[in-house]
Amino acid sequence: MLVELKAKSQVTIPKDIVNSMELNQGDQFEVTEENGKIILVPVAICSEQVIKSLKAEINEIKESIKNGNQPVFDSVDSLFEELDKQ
């Protein structure tokens, strides 16, 4: 599928790709070049507050695991099996 480079270095992503990836106006992308290819990767932007909260939660879980108070699962499937029991 061909697209044309427009003024201000703009290209239009074909509608079928936008729809299949459920992209929306205002979505942001990481843009890189790799071996002569332009790669667009959709990204989600989180506030610093959300990231700090997640880091704190992860640190609490790590401490629980270290102290033997947090169950450790061999696989994601076993985790979901345990969650389904609750």
PDB file of N, CA and C in Angstrom:
ATOM      1  N   MET A   1       0.843  -1.153   0.000  1.00  0.00           N
ATOM      2  CA  MET A   1       0.000   0.000   0.000  1.00  0.00           C
ATOM      3  C   MET A   1       0.901   1.233   0.000  1.00  0.00           C
ATOM      4  N   LEU A   2       0.686   2.127  -0.933  1.00  0.00           N
ATOM      5  CA  LEU A   2       1.504   3.321  -1.044  1.00  0.00           C
ATOM      6  C   LEU A   2       0.844   4.493  -0.336  1.00  0.00           C
ATOM      7  N   VAL A   3       1.653   5.289   0.334  1.00  0.00           N
ATOM      8  CA  VAL A   3       1.197   6.561   0.884  1.00  0.00           C
ATOM      9  C   VAL A   3       2.200   7.620   0.457  1.00  0.00           C
ATOM     10  N   GLU A   4       1.773   8.853   0.462  1.00  0.00           N
ATOM     11  CA  GLU A   4       2.621   9.947  -0.014  1.00  0.00           C
ATOM     12  C   GLU A   4       3.043  10.824   1.150  1.00  0.00           C
ATOM     13  N   LEU A   5       4.303  11.235   1.154  1.00  0.00           N
ATOM     14  CA  LEU A   5       4.802  12.179   2.138  1.00  0.00           C
ATOM     15  C   LEU A   5       4.265  13.557   1.780  1.00  0.00           C
ATOM     16  N   LYS A   6       3.545  14.172   2.714  1.00  0.00           N
ATOM     17  CA  LYS A   6       2.899  15.469   2.479  1.00  0.00           C
ATOM     18  C   LYS A   6       3.731  16.589   3.105  1.00  0.00           C
ATOM     19  N   ALA A   7       3.185  17.790   3.025  1.00  0.00           N
ATOM     20  CA  ALA A   7       3.820  18.954   3.641  1.00  0.00           C
ATOM     21  C   ALA A   7       4.003  18.688   5.120  1.00  0.00           C
ATOM     22  N   LYS A   8       4.985  19.293   5.715  1.00  0.00           N
ATOM     23  CA  LYS A   8       5.299  19.140   7.132  1.00  0.00           C
ATOM     24  C   LYS A   8       5.604  17.692   7.497  1.00  0.00           C
ATOM     25  N   SER A   9       6.119  16.916   6.555  1.00  0.00           N
ATOM     26  CA  SER A   9       6.548  15.523   6.772  1.00  0.00           C
ATOM     27  C   SER A   9       5.418  14.616   7.240  1.00  0.00           C
ATOM     28  N   GLN A  10       4.192  14.860   6.794  1.00  0.00           N
ATOM     29  CA  GLN A  10       3.036  14.072   7.225  1.00  0.00           C
ATOM     30  C   GLN A  10       2.729  12.951   6.237  1.00  0.00           C
ATOM     31  N   VAL A  11       2.315  11.795   6.797  1.00  0.00           N
ATOM     32  CA  VAL A  11       1.780  10.697   5.992  1.00  0.00           C
ATOM     33  C   VAL A  11       0.453  10.286   6.616  1.00  0.00           C
ATOM     34  N   THR A  12      -0.422   9.741   5.806  1.00  0.00           N
ATOM     35  CA  THR A  12      -1.715   9.260   6.291  1.00  0.00           C
ATOM     36  C   THR A  12      -1.644   7.755   6.438  1.00  0.00           C
ATOM     37  N   ILE A  13      -1.991   7.271   7.633  1.00  0.00           N
ATOM     38  CA  ILE A  13      -2.055   5.824   7.852  1.00  0.00           C
ATOM     39  C   ILE A  13      -3.354   5.340   7.226  1.00  0.00           C
ATOM     40  N   PRO A  14      -3.295   4.323   6.356  1.00  0.00           N
ATOM     41  CA  PRO A  14      -4.512   3.842   5.705  1.00  0.00           C
ATOM     42  C   PRO A  14      -5.598   3.455   6.713  1.00  0.00           C
ATOM     43  N   LYS A  15      -6.847   3.764   6.351  1.00  0.00           N
ATOM     44  CA  LYS A  15      -7.984   3.581   7.249  1.00  0.00           C
ATOM     45  C   LYS A  15      -8.127   2.140   7.736  1.00  0.00           C
ATOM     46  N   ASP A  16      -7.881   1.147   6.876  1.00  0.00           N
ATOM     47  CA  ASP A  16      -8.032  -0.242   7.319  1.00  0.00           C
ATOM     48  C   ASP A  16      -7.031  -0.592   8.416  1.00  0.00           C
ATOM     49  N   ILE A  17      -5.838  -0.001   8.365  1.00  0.00           N
ATOM     50  CA  ILE A  17      -4.852  -0.226   9.427  1.00  0.00           C
ATOM     51  C   ILE A  17      -5.286   0.492  10.699  1.00  0.00           C
ATOM     52  N   VAL A  18      -5.747   1.732  10.573  1.00  0.00           N
ATOM     53  CA  VAL A  18      -6.243   2.492  11.731  1.00  0.00           C
ATOM     54  C   VAL A  18      -7.358   1.716  12.410  1.00  0.00           C
ATOM     55  N   ASN A  19      -8.294   1.200  11.624  1.00  0.00           N
ATOM     56  CA  ASN A  19      -9.424   0.449  12.189  1.00  0.00           C
ATOM     57  C   ASN A  19      -8.980  -0.866  12.819  1.00  0.00           C
ATOM     58  N   SER A  20      -8.124  -1.608  12.137  1.00  0.00           N
ATOM     59  CA  SER A  20      -7.728  -2.925  12.653  1.00  0.00           C
ATOM     60  C   SER A  20      -6.907  -2.799  13.938  1.00  0.00           C
ATOM     61  N   MET A  21      -6.180  -1.688  14.089  1.00  0.00           N
ATOM     62  CA  MET A  21      -5.379  -1.485  15.296  1.00  0.00           C
ATOM     63  C   MET A  21      -6.112  -0.643  16.333  1.00  0.00           C
ATOM     64  N   GLU A  22      -7.350  -0.266  15.998  1.00  0.00           N
ATOM     65  CA  GLU A  22      -8.191   0.549  16.893  1.00  0.00           C
ATOM     66  C   GLU A  22      -7.472   1.823  17.333  1.00  0.00           C
ATOM     67  N   LEU A  23      -6.869   2.502  16.357  1.00  0.00           N
ATOM     68  CA  LEU A  23      -6.176   3.762  16.620  1.00  0.00           C
ATOM     69  C   LEU A  23      -7.176   4.907  16.609  1.00  0.00           C
ATOM     70  N   ASN A  24      -6.852   5.966  17.345  1.00  0.00           N
ATOM     71  CA  ASN A  24      -7.738   7.118  17.431  1.00  0.00           C
ATOM     72  C   ASN A  24      -6.945   8.401  17.258  1.00  0.00           C
ATOM     73  N   GLN A  25      -7.639   9.452  16.844  1.00  0.00           N
ATOM     74  CA  GLN A  25      -7.008  10.757  16.724  1.00  0.00           C
ATOM     75  C   GLN A  25      -6.375  11.118  18.061  1.00  0.00           C
ATOM     76  N   GLY A  26      -5.158  11.597  18.016  1.00  0.00           N
ATOM     77  CA  GLY A  26      -4.453  11.978  19.238  1.00  0.00           C
ATOM     78  C   GLY A  26      -3.545  10.890  19.793  1.00  0.00           C
ATOM     79  N   ASP A  27      -3.676   9.645  19.289  1.00  0.00           N
ATOM     80  CA  ASP A  27      -2.774   8.580  19.740  1.00  0.00           C
ATOM     81  C   ASP A  27      -1.334   8.988  19.412  1.00  0.00           C
ATOM     82  N   GLN A  28      -0.402   8.536  20.246  1.00  0.00           N
ATOM     83  CA  GLN A  28       0.993   8.875  20.036  1.00  0.00           C
ATOM     84  C   GLN A  28       1.790   7.636  19.658  1.00  0.00           C
ATOM     85  N   PHE A  29       2.902   7.864  18.946  1.00  0.00           N
ATOM     86  CA  PHE A  29       3.719   6.770  18.426  1.00  0.00           C
ATOM     87  C   PHE A  29       5.187   7.018  18.712  1.00  0.00           C
ATOM     88  N   GLU A  30       5.909   5.937  18.966  1.00  0.00           N
ATOM     89  CA  GLU A  30       7.369   5.962  18.985  1.00  0.00           C
ATOM     90  C   GLU A  30       7.792   5.742  17.538  1.00  0.00           C
ATOM     91  N   VAL A  31       8.617   6.628  16.994  1.00  0.00           N
ATOM     92  CA  VAL A  31       9.047   6.521  15.598  1.00  0.00           C
ATOM     93  C   VAL A  31      10.533   6.207  15.572  1.00  0.00           C
ATOM     94  N   THR A  32      10.887   5.121  14.887  1.00  0.00           N
ATOM     95  CA  THR A  32      12.294   4.749  14.758  1.00  0.00           C
ATOM     96  C   THR A  32      12.577   4.351  13.320  1.00  0.00           C
ATOM     97  N   GLU A  33      13.846   4.305  13.002  1.00  0.00           N
ATOM     98  CA  GLU A  33      14.298   3.827  11.691  1.00  0.00           C
ATOM     99  C   GLU A  33      15.146   2.604  11.935  1.00  0.00           C
ATOM    100  N   GLU A  34      14.873   1.552  11.186  1.00  0.00           N
ATOM    101  CA  GLU A  34      15.622   0.311  11.343  1.00  0.00           C
ATOM    102  C   GLU A  34      15.858  -0.315   9.975  1.00  0.00           C
ATOM    103  N   ASN A  35      17.116  -0.385   9.588  1.00  0.00           N
ATOM    104  CA  ASN A  35      17.493  -0.983   8.299  1.00  0.00           C
ATOM    105  C   ASN A  35      16.695  -0.394   7.134  1.00  0.00           C
ATOM    106  N   GLY A  36      16.566   0.925   7.111  1.00  0.00           N
ATOM    107  CA  GLY A  36      15.873   1.594   6.016  1.00  0.00           C
ATOM    108  C   GLY A  36      14.360   1.566   6.112  1.00  0.00           C
ATOM    109  N   LYS A  37      13.809   1.065   7.215  1.00  0.00           N
ATOM    110  CA  LYS A  37      12.360   1.029   7.420  1.00  0.00           C
ATOM    111  C   LYS A  37      11.979   2.029   8.504  1.00  0.00           C
ATOM    112  N   ILE A  38      10.850   2.698   8.304  1.00  0.00           N
ATOM    113  CA  ILE A  38      10.307   3.587   9.320  1.00  0.00           C
ATOM    114  C   ILE A  38       9.313   2.770  10.138  1.00  0.00           C
ATOM    115  N   ILE A  39       9.511   2.738  11.445  1.00  0.00           N
ATOM    116  CA  ILE A  39       8.664   1.921  12.313  1.00  0.00           C
ATOM    117  C   ILE A  39       7.886   2.837  13.255  1.00  0.00           C
ATOM    118  N   LEU A  40       6.565   2.682  13.257  1.00  0.00           N
ATOM    119  CA  LEU A  40       5.678   3.424  14.155  1.00  0.00           C
ATOM    120  C   LEU A  40       5.130   2.437  15.179  1.00  0.00           C
ATOM    121  N   VAL A  41       5.331   2.719  16.463  1.00  0.00           N
ATOM    122  CA  VAL A  41       4.818   1.851  17.514  1.00  0.00           C
ATOM    123  C   VAL A  41       3.906   2.694  18.416  1.00  0.00           C
ATOM    124  N   PRO A  42       2.608   2.337  18.491  1.00  0.00           N
ATOM    125  CA  PRO A  42       1.717   3.090  19.376  1.00  0.00           C
ATOM    126  C   PRO A  42       2.188   2.984  20.825  1.00  0.00           C
ATOM    127  N   VAL A  43       2.104   4.108  21.543  1.00  0.00           N
ATOM    128  CA  VAL A  43       2.509   4.122  22.948  1.00  0.00           C
ATOM    129  C   VAL A  43       1.395   4.742  23.793  1.00  0.00           C
ATOM    130  N   ALA A  44       1.357   4.314  25.044  1.00  0.00           N
ATOM    131  CA  ALA A  44       0.435   4.910  26.012  1.00  0.00           C
ATOM    132  C   ALA A  44       1.264   5.789  26.934  1.00  0.00           C
ATOM    133  N   ILE A  45       0.788   6.966  27.165  1.00  0.00           N
ATOM    134  CA  ILE A  45       1.478   7.900  28.036  1.00  0.00           C
ATOM    135  C   ILE A  45       0.807   7.876  29.405  1.00  0.00           C
ATOM    136  N   CYS A  46       1.598   7.620  30.436  1.00  0.00           N
ATOM    137  CA  CYS A  46       1.083   7.587  31.816  1.00  0.00           C
ATOM    138  C   CYS A  46       1.659   8.761  32.587  1.00  0.00           C
ATOM    139  N   SER A  47       0.862   9.260  33.513  1.00  0.00           N
ATOM    140  CA  SER A  47       1.345  10.362  34.341  1.00  0.00           C
ATOM    141  C   SER A  47       2.422   9.848  35.294  1.00  0.00           C
ATOM    142  N   GLU A  48       3.252  10.762  35.742  1.00  0.00           N
ATOM    143  CA  GLU A  48       4.315  10.405  36.689  1.00  0.00           C
ATOM    144  C   GLU A  48       3.716   9.837  37.973  1.00  0.00           C
ATOM    145  N   GLN A  49       2.561  10.355  38.371  1.00  0.00           N
ATOM    146  CA  GLN A  49       1.887   9.873  39.586  1.00  0.00           C
ATOM    147  C   GLN A  49       1.495   8.399  39.441  1.00  0.00           C
ATOM    148  N   VAL A  50       0.971   8.020  38.277  1.00  0.00           N
ATOM    149  CA  VAL A  50       0.580   6.628  38.034  1.00  0.00           C
ATOM    150  C   VAL A  50       1.802   5.729  38.077  1.00  0.00           C
ATOM    151  N   ILE A  51       2.889   6.170  37.456  1.00  0.00           N
ATOM    152  CA  ILE A  51       4.114   5.372  37.431  1.00  0.00           C
ATOM    153  C   ILE A  51       4.671   5.203  38.844  1.00  0.00           C
ATOM    154  N   LYS A  52       4.686   6.274  39.639  1.00  0.00           N
ATOM    155  CA  LYS A  52       5.166   6.184  41.018  1.00  0.00           C
ATOM    156  C   LYS A  52       4.313   5.216  41.821  1.00  0.00           C
ATOM    157  N   SER A  53       3.008   5.260  41.617  1.00  0.00           N
ATOM    158  CA  SER A  53       2.096   4.367  42.331  1.00  0.00           C
ATOM    159  C   SER A  53       2.361   2.907  41.966  1.00  0.00           C
ATOM    160  N   LEU A  54       2.546   2.646  40.677  1.00  0.00           N
ATOM    161  CA  LEU A  54       2.832   1.281  40.233  1.00  0.00           C
ATOM    162  C   LEU A  54       4.165   0.781  40.785  1.00  0.00           C
ATOM    163  N   LYS A  55       5.189   1.650  40.784  1.00  0.00           N
ATOM    164  CA  LYS A  55       6.488   1.266  41.333  1.00  0.00           C
ATOM    165  C   LYS A  55       6.376   0.930  42.813  1.00  0.00           C
ATOM    166  N   ALA A  56       5.606   1.722  43.559  1.00  0.00           N
ATOM    167  CA  ALA A  56       5.427   1.462  44.985  1.00  0.00           C
ATOM    168  C   ALA A  56       4.727   0.123  45.196  1.00  0.00           C
ATOM    169  N   GLU A  57       3.711  -0.154  44.389  1.00  0.00           N
ATOM    170  CA  GLU A  57       2.996  -1.428  44.504  1.00  0.00           C
ATOM    171  C   GLU A  57       3.912  -2.602  44.180  1.00  0.00           C
ATOM    172  N   ILE A  58       4.718  -2.466  43.152  1.00  0.00           N
ATOM    173  CA  ILE A  58       5.660  -3.522  42.783  1.00  0.00           C
ATOM    174  C   ILE A  58       6.670  -3.756  43.900  1.00  0.00           C
ATOM    175  N   ASN A  59       7.166  -2.667  44.491  1.00  0.00           N
ATOM    176  CA  ASN A  59       8.124  -2.806  45.591  1.00  0.00           C
ATOM    177  C   ASN A  59       7.489  -3.500  46.792  1.00  0.00           C
ATOM    178  N   GLU A  60       6.215  -3.210  47.089  1.00  0.00           N
ATOM    179  CA  GLU A  60       5.509  -3.890  48.180  1.00  0.00           C
ATOM    180  C   GLU A  60       5.389  -5.385  47.897  1.00  0.00           C
ATOM    181  N   ILE A  61       5.068  -5.730  46.671  1.00  0.00           N
ATOM    182  CA  ILE A  61       4.929  -7.145  46.291  1.00  0.00           C
ATOM    183  C   ILE A  61       6.284  -7.848  46.384  1.00  0.00           C
ATOM    184  N   LYS A  62       7.350  -7.192  45.906  1.00  0.00           N
ATOM    185  CA  LYS A  62       8.692  -7.777  46.002  1.00  0.00           C
ATOM    186  C   LYS A  62       9.061  -8.044  47.460  1.00  0.00           C
ATOM    187  N   GLU A  63       8.745  -7.110  48.341  1.00  0.00           N
ATOM    188  CA  GLU A  63       9.050  -7.266  49.760  1.00  0.00           C
ATOM    189  C   GLU A  63       8.231  -8.422  50.348  1.00  0.00           C
ATOM    190  N   SER A  64       6.961  -8.541  49.940  1.00  0.00           N
ATOM    191  CA  SER A  64       6.126  -9.652  50.408  1.00  0.00           C
ATOM    192  C   SER A  64       6.684 -10.995  49.960  1.00  0.00           C
ATOM    193  N   ILE A  65       7.160 -11.049  48.723  1.00  0.00           N
ATOM    194  CA  ILE A  65       7.753 -12.289  48.205  1.00  0.00           C
ATOM    195  C   ILE A  65       9.014 -12.619  49.004  1.00  0.00           C
ATOM    196  N   LYS A  66       9.838 -11.600  49.227  1.00  0.00           N
ATOM    197  CA  LYS A  66      11.086 -11.782  49.971  1.00  0.00           C
ATOM    198  C   LYS A  66      10.817 -12.311  51.381  1.00  0.00           C
ATOM    199  N   ASN A  67       9.733 -11.851  52.006  1.00  0.00           N
ATOM    200  CA  ASN A  67       9.381 -12.264  53.360  1.00  0.00           C
ATOM    201  C   ASN A  67       8.532 -13.533  53.407  1.00  0.00           C
ATOM    202  N   GLY A  68       8.247 -14.110  52.225  1.00  0.00           N
ATOM    203  CA  GLY A  68       7.450 -15.328  52.175  1.00  0.00           C
ATOM    204  C   GLY A  68       5.958 -15.113  52.372  1.00  0.00           C
ATOM    205  N   ASN A  69       5.496 -13.889  52.244  1.00  0.00           N
ATOM    206  CA  ASN A  69       4.081 -13.584  52.451  1.00  0.00           C
ATOM    207  C   ASN A  69       3.274 -13.486  51.158  1.00  0.00           C
ATOM    208  N   GLN A  70       3.905 -13.621  50.048  1.00  0.00           N
ATOM    209  CA  GLN A  70       3.236 -13.470  48.756  1.00  0.00           C
ATOM    210  C   GLN A  70       3.390 -14.779  47.992  1.00  0.00           C
ATOM    211  N   PRO A  71       2.274 -15.345  47.514  1.00  0.00           N
ATOM    212  CA  PRO A  71       2.420 -16.579  46.734  1.00  0.00           C
ATOM    213  C   PRO A  71       3.195 -16.322  45.438  1.00  0.00           C
ATOM    214  N   VAL A  72       3.978 -17.294  45.050  1.00  0.00           N
ATOM    215  CA  VAL A  72       4.733 -17.229  43.806  1.00  0.00           C
ATOM    216  C   VAL A  72       4.180 -18.318  42.893  1.00  0.00           C
ATOM    217  N   PHE A  73       3.922 -17.976  41.651  1.00  0.00           N
ATOM    218  CA  PHE A  73       3.306 -18.915  40.707  1.00  0.00           C
ATOM    219  C   PHE A  73       4.325 -19.344  39.662  1.00  0.00           C
ATOM    220  N   ASP A  74       4.206 -20.594  39.250  1.00  0.00           N
ATOM    221  CA  ASP A  74       5.118 -21.141  38.247  1.00  0.00           C
ATOM    222  C   ASP A  74       4.822 -20.620  36.850  1.00  0.00           C
ATOM    223  N   SER A  75       3.562 -20.203  36.642  1.00  0.00           N
ATOM    224  CA  SER A  75       3.168 -19.738  35.313  1.00  0.00           C
ATOM    225  C   SER A  75       2.011 -18.752  35.459  1.00  0.00           C
ATOM    226  N   VAL A  76       1.756 -18.053  34.389  1.00  0.00           N
ATOM    227  CA  VAL A  76       0.615 -17.131  34.365  1.00  0.00           C
ATOM    228  C   VAL A  76      -0.679 -17.926  34.502  1.00  0.00           C
ATOM    229  N   ASP A  77      -0.720 -19.115  33.891  1.00  0.00           N
ATOM    230  CA  ASP A  77      -1.930 -19.945  33.985  1.00  0.00           C
ATOM    231  C   ASP A  77      -2.242 -20.312  35.430  1.00  0.00           C
ATOM    232  N   SER A  78      -1.221 -20.667  36.206  1.00  0.00           N
ATOM    233  CA  SER A  78      -1.480 -21.025  37.600  1.00  0.00           C
ATOM    234  C   SER A  78      -1.931 -19.803  38.403  1.00  0.00           C
ATOM    235  N   LEU A  79      -1.438 -18.637  38.062  1.00  0.00           N
ATOM    236  CA  LEU A  79      -1.902 -17.404  38.700  1.00  0.00           C
ATOM    237  C   LEU A  79      -3.389 -17.204  38.430  1.00  0.00           C
ATOM    238  N   PHE A  80      -3.789 -17.330  37.170  1.00  0.00           N
ATOM    239  CA  PHE A  80      -5.191 -17.124  36.815  1.00  0.00           C
ATOM    240  C   PHE A  80      -6.093 -18.195  37.427  1.00  0.00           C
ATOM    241  N   GLU A  81      -5.597 -19.413  37.533  1.00  0.00           N
ATOM    242  CA  GLU A  81      -6.369 -20.468  38.188  1.00  0.00           C
ATOM    243  C   GLU A  81      -6.651 -20.085  39.641  1.00  0.00           C
ATOM    244  N   GLU A  82      -5.649 -19.553  40.328  1.00  0.00           N
ATOM    245  CA  GLU A  82      -5.824 -19.132  41.717  1.00  0.00           C
ATOM    246  C   GLU A  82      -6.788 -17.951  41.812  1.00  0.00           C
ATOM    247  N   LEU A  83      -6.666 -17.008  40.886  1.00  0.00           N
ATOM    248  CA  LEU A  83      -7.573 -15.851  40.887  1.00  0.00           C
ATOM    249  C   LEU A  83      -9.019 -16.270  40.619  1.00  0.00           C
ATOM    250  N   ASP A  84      -9.213 -17.279  39.759  1.00  0.00           N
ATOM    251  CA  ASP A  84     -10.569 -17.757  39.476  1.00  0.00           C
ATOM    252  C   ASP A  84     -11.226 -18.381  40.695  1.00  0.00           C
ATOM    253  N   LYS A  85     -10.431 -18.918  41.617  1.00  0.00           N
ATOM    254  CA  LYS A  85     -10.967 -19.530  42.841  1.00  0.00           C
ATOM    255  C   LYS A  85     -11.520 -18.479  43.801  1.00  0.00           C
ATOM    256  N   GLN A  86     -11.025 -17.265  43.690  1.00  0.00           N
ATOM    257  CA  GLN A  86     -11.414 -16.207  44.632  1.00  0.00           C
ATOM    258  C   GLN A  86     -12.710 -15.543  44.263  1.00  0.00           C
TER     259      GLN A  86
END
